[in-house]
Amino acid sequence: MPESSESATPRSVSERAVVLLIGAVQFVNILDFVMVMPLGPDFAKGLGIESSHIGTIGGSYTAAASVAGLLGGYFLDRFDRRKALAVCMLGLVAATAAGGLAVGLSTLLLARVCAGLFGGPATALSLSIIADLIPVERRGRALGAVMASFSVASVLGVPLALKVAELGSWRTPFFVVAALGLVLVLAALWLLPPVRGHLKPGGSAARAPGVAELLGNADVQLSYLMTALVMMSGFIVIPNISAYLQQNLGYPRENLWILYAAGGIVSFFTLRLTGPLVDRFGSFRIGSVGVVLAALTTYVGFIHYPAWLPIPVLFMVFMLAMGVRNVAYNTLTSRVPDNPVRARFMSLQSATQHMASALGAFLSARLLVDLPDGTLGGMDTIAWVSIGLAVGVPVMLRVVEGRVRSREQARALAVPPAQGMAAPLSPEAHSHG
């Protein structure tokens, strides 16, 4: 099939528009995932599930997303990224609605598995679109803006989901998010330009390394190892925060939305400010600050919590640390692959992220126990495991950044700057603010 005129002459679009559209789609994708953990105690009570099993429900999504990421590595680079993203997000919308119809642990797990099968590749495709269309010198800022969708999901989405659950039931947020997702996906499909720069004129994928060859690359291996350490250290703790705050620290359920809103506001500004800092100072320096701060808040919050410290303050610092760390390592990993194999790399990275998250969540479910007094036992153990895993992240940031920078410098000397660049975006609005 000959290349369409639309592909031959890409629609002019500003970088700001691309970032806003992808950010809106990612808002739904992320909200579908992050709202489940704060709602955990609600649906656990409604379906008769033990609180220590909430991590299993969170892990079912990430495990499925990991499998989908592995499979997606074989074919995602064969399609227009915009159309592939639309298919994945529509599947996620249907699976989210199905979650609201669950009648027990098994049906809820099935719905979350289906959501993960579509949500994992959707994340990889979203990041690939940003990396394809935004030049490397502004990519940290762009990724920081897109990742701010996590903050918006926390500032607006999670608190609203908690409130909606209070007014209706734990099922209501699933239906609301599914409806919102359908509207945003259709809008993004209509407004986003085709993303086919990685394809040959006939519409097939440009010649690129296969999955086995890609996984044999040392830079890729180191990048995925770094990703695994980051995600596992976080998700051995994160799925259990809501239950821990309510059951161990006595934080009121009716104030939970305020906590997530405050943490989300901090995270939103952190992500917006961290992107330019990463572009200026590098991922190692900025990411290491986030890792150290995350380790300190994990120790204070789950191992040696001082009664005088307000829980919202601790939670906001924790969200700040997560934001700094995540922008730094995501910006760095976006520099590892070449354009023709970017979606394949991102899909396999998504698989690594989700598998590591699932392992962390499943491990936490094994280490935690529901004590007779209603509290969760073993939180200090999983906190120490999280800190231990995080120790290796700064080392990996340093190694990967050094290797990527050396490769980019060598390529700049060998290849004229005009070669290998994606179709330019319109010059307007390079700022993503």
Protein backbone atom coordinates (compact mmCIF):
# COMPACT_ATOMS: atom_id res chain seq x y z
CA MET A 1 0.00 0.00 0.00
CA PRO A 2 1.51 3.36 -0.97
CA GLU A 3 2.20 5.88 1.71
CA SER A 4 -0.69 8.23 2.31
CA SER A 5 -0.33 11.92 1.80
CA GLU A 6 -0.99 12.36 5.49
CA SER A 7 2.06 10.27 6.23
CA ALA A 8 4.14 11.92 3.55
CA THR A 9 3.40 15.41 4.85
CA PRO A 10 2.85 15.20 8.60
CA ARG A 11 0.24 17.52 10.04
CA SER A 12 1.81 20.56 11.66
CA VAL A 13 1.24 20.52 15.39
CA SER A 14 2.84 22.33 18.29
CA GLU A 15 4.87 20.54 20.92
CA ARG A 16 2.51 21.97 23.52
CA ALA A 17 -0.48 20.31 21.83
CA VAL A 18 1.26 16.94 21.69
CA VAL A 19 2.19 17.12 25.36
CA LEU A 20 -1.33 18.15 26.42
CA LEU A 21 -3.03 15.41 24.40
CA ILE A 22 -0.71 12.64 25.53
CA GLY A 23 -0.94 13.95 29.08
CA ALA A 24 -4.75 13.77 28.95
CA VAL A 25 -4.68 10.19 27.72
CA GLN A 26 -2.11 9.23 30.33
CA PHE A 27 -4.26 10.85 33.02
CA VAL A 28 -6.95 8.24 32.41
CA ASN A 29 -4.41 5.44 32.12
CA ILE A 30 -2.69 6.40 35.35
CA LEU A 31 -5.89 7.16 37.26
CA ASP A 32 -7.23 3.71 36.42
CA PHE A 33 -4.17 2.27 38.14
CA VAL A 34 -3.51 4.63 41.05
CA MET A 35 -7.10 4.91 42.30
CA VAL A 36 -7.32 1.16 42.98
CA MET A 37 -4.79 1.24 45.83
CA PRO A 38 -6.39 4.08 47.87
CA LEU A 39 -9.78 2.42 47.31
CA GLY A 40 -8.35 -0.90 48.47
CA PRO A 41 -9.81 -0.89 51.98
CA ASP A 42 -13.23 0.07 50.52
CA PHE A 43 -13.55 -2.74 48.01
CA ALA A 44 -11.81 -5.14 50.39
CA LYS A 45 -14.63 -4.51 52.86
CA GLY A 46 -17.32 -4.60 50.18
CA LEU A 47 -16.12 -7.89 48.67
CA GLY A 48 -14.90 -9.53 51.86
CA ILE A 49 -11.19 -9.43 50.91
CA GLU A 50 -8.43 -9.31 53.56
CA SER A 51 -6.44 -6.06 53.55
CA SER A 52 -3.16 -7.94 53.21
CA HIS A 53 -4.34 -9.12 49.77
CA ILE A 54 -4.65 -5.62 48.32
CA GLY A 55 -1.11 -5.93 47.00
CA THR A 56 -2.17 -9.01 45.04
CA ILE A 57 -4.88 -7.02 43.28
CA GLY A 58 -2.42 -4.27 42.42
CA GLY A 59 0.12 -6.86 41.30
CA SER A 60 -2.37 -8.56 38.98
CA TYR A 61 -2.57 -5.37 36.89
CA THR A 62 1.18 -4.90 36.71
CA ALA A 63 1.89 -8.57 35.98
CA ALA A 64 -0.57 -8.51 33.06
CA ALA A 65 0.89 -5.23 31.83
CA SER A 66 4.32 -6.85 31.89
CA VAL A 67 3.18 -9.77 29.73
CA ALA A 68 1.50 -7.35 27.32
CA GLY A 69 4.68 -5.31 27.16
CA LEU A 70 6.73 -8.36 26.23
CA LEU A 71 4.29 -9.30 23.47
CA GLY A 72 4.02 -5.70 22.31
CA GLY A 73 7.76 -5.60 21.77
CA TYR A 74 7.26 -7.84 18.75
CA PHE A 75 4.69 -5.77 16.87
CA LEU A 76 4.07 -2.23 18.23
CA ASP A 77 6.69 -0.69 15.92
CA ARG A 78 4.75 -1.97 12.90
CA PHE A 79 1.87 0.47 13.31
CA ASP A 80 1.06 4.14 13.39
CA ARG A 81 1.58 4.91 17.07
CA ARG A 82 -1.57 7.04 17.25
CA LYS A 83 -3.86 4.23 16.08
CA ALA A 84 -2.15 1.64 18.27
CA LEU A 85 -2.57 3.94 21.28
CA ALA A 86 -6.27 4.34 20.55
CA VAL A 87 -6.83 0.57 20.43
CA CYS A 88 -5.02 0.05 23.73
CA MET A 89 -6.87 2.84 25.50
CA LEU A 90 -10.28 1.65 24.31
CA GLY A 91 -9.48 -1.79 25.70
CA LEU A 92 -8.44 -0.19 28.99
CA VAL A 93 -11.74 1.72 29.16
CA ALA A 94 -13.75 -1.50 28.73
CA ALA A 95 -11.68 -3.31 31.38
CA THR A 96 -12.09 -0.44 33.85
CA ALA A 97 -15.86 -0.58 33.48
CA ALA A 98 -15.70 -4.34 34.04
CA GLY A 99 -13.90 -3.73 37.35
CA GLY A 100 -16.96 -1.93 38.62
CA LEU A 101 -19.02 -5.07 37.98
CA ALA A 102 -16.81 -7.39 40.06
CA VAL A 103 -18.60 -9.62 42.56
CA GLY A 104 -15.61 -11.13 44.35
CA LEU A 105 -11.83 -11.43 44.42
CA SER A 106 -11.61 -13.62 41.30
CA THR A 107 -13.74 -11.36 39.08
CA LEU A 108 -11.95 -8.24 40.28
CA LEU A 109 -8.59 -9.88 39.58
CA LEU A 110 -9.78 -10.81 36.07
CA ALA A 111 -10.87 -7.23 35.35
CA ARG A 112 -7.57 -5.84 36.59
CA VAL A 113 -5.63 -8.35 34.49
CA CYS A 114 -7.54 -7.18 31.39
CA ALA A 115 -6.83 -3.56 32.31
CA GLY A 116 -3.14 -4.33 32.60
CA LEU A 117 -3.06 -6.07 29.22
CA PHE A 118 -4.13 -2.80 27.56
CA GLY A 119 -2.71 -0.23 29.99
CA GLY A 120 0.90 -1.42 29.79
CA PRO A 121 1.32 -0.99 26.02
CA ALA A 122 -0.61 2.30 26.18
CA THR A 123 2.04 3.75 28.46
CA ALA A 124 4.85 2.56 26.19
CA LEU A 125 3.16 4.07 23.14
CA SER A 126 2.52 7.39 24.90
CA LEU A 127 6.16 7.78 25.87
CA SER A 128 7.24 6.69 22.38
CA ILE A 129 5.12 9.43 20.80
CA ILE A 130 6.72 12.05 23.04
CA ALA A 131 10.22 10.73 22.34
CA ASP A 132 9.54 10.65 18.58
CA LEU A 133 8.16 14.18 18.33
CA ILE A 134 10.10 16.14 20.97
CA PRO A 135 13.84 16.88 20.41
CA VAL A 136 16.21 15.47 23.02
CA GLU A 137 17.20 18.90 24.33
CA ARG A 138 13.59 19.54 25.42
CA ARG A 139 12.55 15.97 26.10
CA GLY A 140 13.13 16.09 29.86
CA ARG A 141 10.77 19.03 30.14
CA ALA A 142 8.20 17.32 27.91
CA LEU A 143 8.35 14.05 29.85
CA GLY A 144 8.06 15.98 33.10
CA ALA A 145 4.92 17.66 31.77
CA VAL A 146 3.39 14.37 30.60
CA MET A 147 4.29 12.67 33.85
CA ALA A 148 2.49 15.51 35.61
CA SER A 149 -0.62 13.55 34.65
CA PHE A 150 0.31 11.36 37.61
CA SER A 151 0.10 14.41 39.82
CA VAL A 152 -3.18 15.54 38.29
CA ALA A 153 -4.54 12.04 38.85
CA SER A 154 -3.48 12.40 42.48
CA VAL A 155 -4.59 16.02 42.92
CA LEU A 156 -7.96 15.63 41.23
CA GLY A 157 -8.55 12.02 40.27
CA VAL A 158 -7.79 10.06 43.43
CA PRO A 159 -9.48 12.51 45.85
CA LEU A 160 -12.54 12.66 43.58
CA ALA A 161 -12.58 8.88 43.27
CA LEU A 162 -12.50 8.59 47.07
CA LYS A 163 -15.31 11.16 47.38
CA VAL A 164 -17.38 9.51 44.65
CA ALA A 165 -16.98 6.19 46.46
CA GLU A 166 -18.28 7.81 49.65
CA LEU A 167 -21.31 9.26 47.86
CA GLY A 168 -22.02 6.12 45.83
CA SER A 169 -20.06 2.93 46.33
CA TRP A 170 -16.58 1.63 45.59
CA ARG A 171 -17.89 0.63 42.13
CA THR A 172 -18.83 4.16 41.06
CA PRO A 173 -15.29 5.47 40.41
CA PHE A 174 -14.64 2.63 37.95
CA PHE A 175 -17.65 3.62 35.84
CA VAL A 176 -16.84 7.33 35.98
CA VAL A 177 -13.23 6.80 34.90
CA ALA A 178 -14.33 4.53 32.05
CA ALA A 179 -16.71 7.20 30.73
CA LEU A 180 -14.08 9.93 31.02
CA GLY A 181 -11.56 7.70 29.30
CA LEU A 182 -13.81 7.12 26.32
CA VAL A 183 -14.23 10.88 25.76
CA LEU A 184 -10.50 11.63 26.05
CA VAL A 185 -9.42 8.74 23.85
CA LEU A 186 -11.72 9.85 21.05
CA ALA A 187 -10.48 13.43 21.38
CA ALA A 188 -6.83 12.34 21.25
CA LEU A 189 -7.47 10.11 18.24
CA TRP A 190 -9.08 13.04 16.41
CA LEU A 191 -6.49 15.69 17.29
CA LEU A 192 -3.14 13.89 17.43
CA PRO A 193 -1.14 13.76 14.19
CA PRO A 194 -0.14 10.40 12.68
CA VAL A 195 3.15 9.15 14.14
CA ARG A 196 4.72 7.09 11.36
CA GLY A 197 8.28 8.36 11.19
CA HIS A 198 9.55 4.96 12.33
CA LEU A 199 7.87 3.21 9.37
CA LYS A 200 9.13 2.61 5.84
CA PRO A 201 7.26 4.31 2.97
CA GLY A 202 5.17 1.16 2.49
CA GLY A 203 3.94 1.33 6.06
CA SER A 204 6.17 -1.42 7.45
CA ALA A 205 8.56 -0.99 10.30
CA ALA A 206 12.00 0.33 9.43
CA ARG A 207 14.78 -2.22 9.68
CA ALA A 208 15.61 -2.50 13.37
CA PRO A 209 17.02 -5.04 15.80
CA GLY A 210 14.73 -7.86 16.85
CA VAL A 211 13.71 -8.40 20.45
CA ALA A 212 16.54 -10.85 21.14
CA GLU A 213 19.09 -8.51 19.58
CA LEU A 214 17.69 -5.55 21.49
CA LEU A 215 17.84 -7.43 24.78
CA GLY A 216 21.45 -8.37 24.01
CA ASN A 217 22.47 -4.70 23.97
CA ALA A 218 24.39 -3.76 27.12
CA ASP A 219 22.86 -0.28 27.36
CA VAL A 220 19.38 -1.78 27.16
CA GLN A 221 20.17 -4.39 29.81
CA LEU A 222 21.50 -1.75 32.21
CA SER A 223 18.50 0.50 31.54
CA TYR A 224 16.05 -2.30 32.32
CA LEU A 225 17.94 -3.28 35.47
CA MET A 226 17.75 0.31 36.67
CA THR A 227 14.03 0.36 35.86
CA ALA A 228 13.45 -2.85 37.81
CA LEU A 229 15.21 -1.50 40.91
CA VAL A 230 13.23 1.75 40.81
CA MET A 231 9.84 0.08 40.41
CA MET A 232 10.27 -2.81 42.82
CA SER A 233 11.59 -0.53 45.58
CA GLY A 234 8.51 1.65 45.19
CA PHE A 235 5.77 -0.91 44.73
CA ILE A 236 6.65 -3.11 47.64
CA VAL A 237 5.34 -0.17 49.71
CA ILE A 238 2.90 1.88 47.60
CA PRO A 239 -0.07 -0.54 47.34
CA ASN A 240 -0.27 -0.75 51.13
CA ILE A 241 -0.04 2.94 52.05
CA SER A 242 -3.80 3.56 52.30
CA ALA A 243 -4.43 0.52 54.49
CA TYR A 244 -1.37 1.26 56.66
CA LEU A 245 -2.40 4.88 57.26
CA GLN A 246 -5.95 3.93 58.22
CA GLN A 247 -5.33 0.71 60.15
CA ASN A 248 -1.94 1.34 61.77
CA LEU A 249 -1.78 5.12 62.17
CA GLY A 250 -5.51 5.73 62.60
CA TYR A 251 -5.80 8.25 59.78
CA PRO A 252 -9.51 9.01 59.17
CA ARG A 253 -11.03 7.56 55.98
CA GLU A 254 -13.04 10.75 55.41
CA ASN A 255 -9.80 12.79 55.26
CA LEU A 256 -7.99 10.44 52.91
CA TRP A 257 -8.92 12.49 49.83
CA ILE A 258 -7.31 15.58 51.39
CA LEU A 259 -4.08 13.65 51.93
CA TYR A 260 -3.88 12.51 48.32
CA ALA A 261 -4.83 15.96 47.04
CA ALA A 262 -2.03 17.59 49.05
CA GLY A 263 0.49 14.99 47.94
CA GLY A 264 -0.64 15.34 44.36
CA ILE A 265 -0.22 19.12 44.38
CA VAL A 266 3.35 18.73 45.59
CA SER A 267 4.02 16.06 42.99
CA PHE A 268 2.54 18.21 40.20
CA PHE A 269 4.90 21.11 40.82
CA THR A 270 7.79 18.74 41.47
CA LEU A 271 7.39 17.08 38.08
CA ARG A 272 7.08 20.41 36.29
CA LEU A 273 10.24 21.75 37.91
CA THR A 274 12.30 18.58 37.77
CA GLY A 275 12.23 18.18 33.97
CA PRO A 276 14.25 21.36 33.25
CA LEU A 277 16.62 20.49 36.12
CA VAL A 278 17.30 17.08 34.57
CA ASP A 279 17.93 18.73 31.18
CA ARG A 280 20.44 21.05 32.84
CA PHE A 281 22.20 18.92 35.48
CA GLY A 282 21.66 15.36 34.24
CA SER A 283 19.67 12.39 35.47
CA PHE A 284 22.30 11.07 37.89
CA ARG A 285 22.53 14.19 40.04
CA ILE A 286 18.82 14.94 40.17
CA GLY A 287 17.72 11.31 40.39
CA SER A 288 20.09 10.58 43.27
CA VAL A 289 18.52 13.38 45.28
CA GLY A 290 15.11 11.81 44.76
CA VAL A 291 16.34 8.33 45.72
CA VAL A 292 17.94 9.51 48.97
CA LEU A 293 14.88 11.54 49.93
CA ALA A 294 12.57 8.59 49.17
CA ALA A 295 14.68 6.28 51.35
CA LEU A 296 14.55 8.76 54.25
CA THR A 297 10.78 9.18 54.07
CA THR A 298 10.31 5.41 53.82
CA TYR A 299 12.35 4.94 57.01
CA VAL A 300 10.51 7.68 58.88
CA GLY A 301 7.07 6.67 57.68
CA PHE A 302 7.15 2.91 58.04
CA ILE A 303 9.99 1.99 60.40
CA HIS A 304 10.34 4.75 62.98
CA TYR A 305 7.34 7.05 62.69
CA PRO A 306 7.45 9.95 65.18
CA ALA A 307 4.04 10.75 66.62
CA TRP A 308 4.69 14.50 66.41
CA LEU A 309 5.10 14.47 62.62
CA PRO A 310 1.87 15.25 60.72
CA ILE A 311 1.00 12.49 58.28
CA PRO A 312 0.20 14.92 55.41
CA VAL A 313 3.68 16.46 55.66
CA LEU A 314 5.37 13.07 55.43
CA PHE A 315 3.15 12.03 52.55
CA MET A 316 3.90 15.21 50.58
CA VAL A 317 7.65 14.73 51.00
CA PHE A 318 7.28 11.13 49.86
CA MET A 319 5.42 12.25 46.72
CA LEU A 320 8.06 14.89 46.03
CA ALA A 321 10.82 12.28 46.24
CA MET A 322 8.98 9.88 43.93
CA GLY A 323 8.44 12.63 41.36
CA VAL A 324 12.08 13.73 41.28
CA ARG A 325 13.32 10.15 40.94
CA ASN A 326 10.83 9.16 38.25
CA VAL A 327 11.39 12.12 35.93
CA ALA A 328 15.15 11.61 36.13
CA TYR A 329 15.16 7.93 35.28
CA ASN A 330 12.42 8.15 32.61
CA THR A 331 14.23 10.97 30.83
CA LEU A 332 17.43 8.92 30.87
CA THR A 333 15.84 5.73 29.57
CA SER A 334 14.18 7.68 26.71
CA ARG A 335 17.70 8.40 25.40
CA VAL A 336 18.71 4.75 25.18
CA PRO A 337 16.83 3.54 22.05
CA ASP A 338 17.07 4.73 18.44
CA ASN A 339 13.91 5.96 16.73
CA PRO A 340 13.04 2.86 14.61
CA VAL A 341 13.00 0.62 17.67
CA ARG A 342 11.65 3.09 20.20
CA ALA A 343 8.19 1.56 20.70
CA ARG A 344 9.73 -1.90 20.98
CA PHE A 345 12.18 -0.64 23.60
CA MET A 346 9.46 1.24 25.47
CA SER A 347 7.15 -1.76 25.36
CA LEU A 348 9.82 -4.02 26.84
CA GLN A 349 10.65 -1.33 29.38
CA SER A 350 6.97 -1.18 30.29
CA ALA A 351 7.08 -4.95 30.72
CA THR A 352 10.08 -4.56 33.02
CA GLN A 353 8.39 -1.79 35.00
CA HIS A 354 5.21 -3.74 35.50
CA MET A 355 6.86 -7.05 36.27
CA ALA A 356 9.08 -5.42 38.88
CA SER A 357 6.03 -3.64 40.31
CA ALA A 358 4.12 -6.92 40.40
CA LEU A 359 6.98 -8.69 42.15
CA GLY A 360 7.11 -5.90 44.73
CA ALA A 361 3.35 -6.00 45.28
CA PHE A 362 3.22 -9.81 45.48
CA LEU A 363 6.18 -9.86 47.87
CA SER A 364 4.49 -7.32 50.12
CA ALA A 365 1.35 -9.48 50.20
CA ARG A 366 3.50 -12.41 51.37
CA LEU A 367 5.32 -10.40 54.03
CA LEU A 368 2.27 -8.61 55.45
CA VAL A 369 -0.27 -10.14 57.81
CA ASP A 370 -3.61 -8.99 59.19
CA LEU A 371 -3.16 -8.88 62.96
CA PRO A 372 -6.01 -9.58 65.40
CA ASP A 373 -6.18 -5.91 66.42
CA GLY A 374 -6.91 -4.89 62.80
CA THR A 375 -3.47 -3.50 61.99
CA LEU A 376 -1.06 -4.63 59.29
CA GLY A 377 2.01 -6.47 60.53
CA GLY A 378 5.30 -6.48 58.62
CA MET A 379 5.33 -2.91 57.30
CA ASP A 380 8.79 -2.31 58.75
CA THR A 381 10.10 -5.37 56.91
CA ILE A 382 8.87 -4.25 53.49
CA ALA A 383 10.22 -0.74 54.18
CA TRP A 384 13.72 -2.13 54.76
CA VAL A 385 13.49 -4.17 51.57
CA SER A 386 12.45 -1.03 49.68
CA ILE A 387 15.42 0.93 51.02
CA GLY A 388 17.81 -1.90 50.22
CA LEU A 389 16.67 -2.04 46.60
CA ALA A 390 16.89 1.75 46.24
CA VAL A 391 20.58 1.75 47.17
CA GLY A 392 21.50 0.46 43.72
CA VAL A 393 19.55 3.09 41.76
CA PRO A 394 22.10 5.99 41.90
CA VAL A 395 24.84 3.62 40.75
CA MET A 396 22.75 2.57 37.76
CA LEU A 397 21.86 6.19 36.95
CA ARG A 398 25.55 7.06 36.83
CA VAL A 399 26.53 4.10 34.65
CA VAL A 400 23.66 4.41 32.15
CA GLU A 401 24.00 8.18 31.82
CA GLY A 402 27.72 7.90 31.17
CA ARG A 403 27.25 5.28 28.46
CA VAL A 404 24.41 7.13 26.74
CA ARG A 405 26.27 10.44 26.79
CA SER A 406 29.39 8.86 25.28
CA ARG A 407 27.33 7.28 22.51
CA GLU A 408 25.51 10.53 21.75
CA GLN A 409 28.78 12.46 21.57
CA ALA A 410 30.30 9.90 19.21
CA ARG A 411 27.22 10.01 16.99
CA ALA A 412 27.21 13.81 16.92
CA LEU A 413 30.75 13.75 15.53
CA ALA A 414 29.94 11.11 12.93
CA VAL A 415 26.44 12.10 11.72
CA PRO A 416 25.29 15.53 10.50
CA PRO A 417 22.65 16.95 12.87
CA ALA A 418 19.95 17.05 10.16
CA GLN A 419 20.02 13.30 9.66
CA GLY A 420 17.84 10.89 11.61
CA MET A 421 15.58 13.57 13.04
CA ALA A 422 11.83 13.14 13.32
CA ALA A 423 9.52 15.34 11.27
CA PRO A 424 9.68 18.80 12.84
CA LEU A 425 6.83 20.13 14.88
CA SER A 426 5.58 23.63 14.36
CA PRO A 427 7.91 26.15 16.01
CA GLU A 428 5.22 27.58 18.29
CA ALA A 429 5.02 26.86 22.00
CA HIS A 430 8.19 24.96 22.75
CA SER A 431 7.38 25.64 26.37
CA HIS A 432 5.12 23.03 27.99
CA GLY A 433 4.09 25.27 30.85
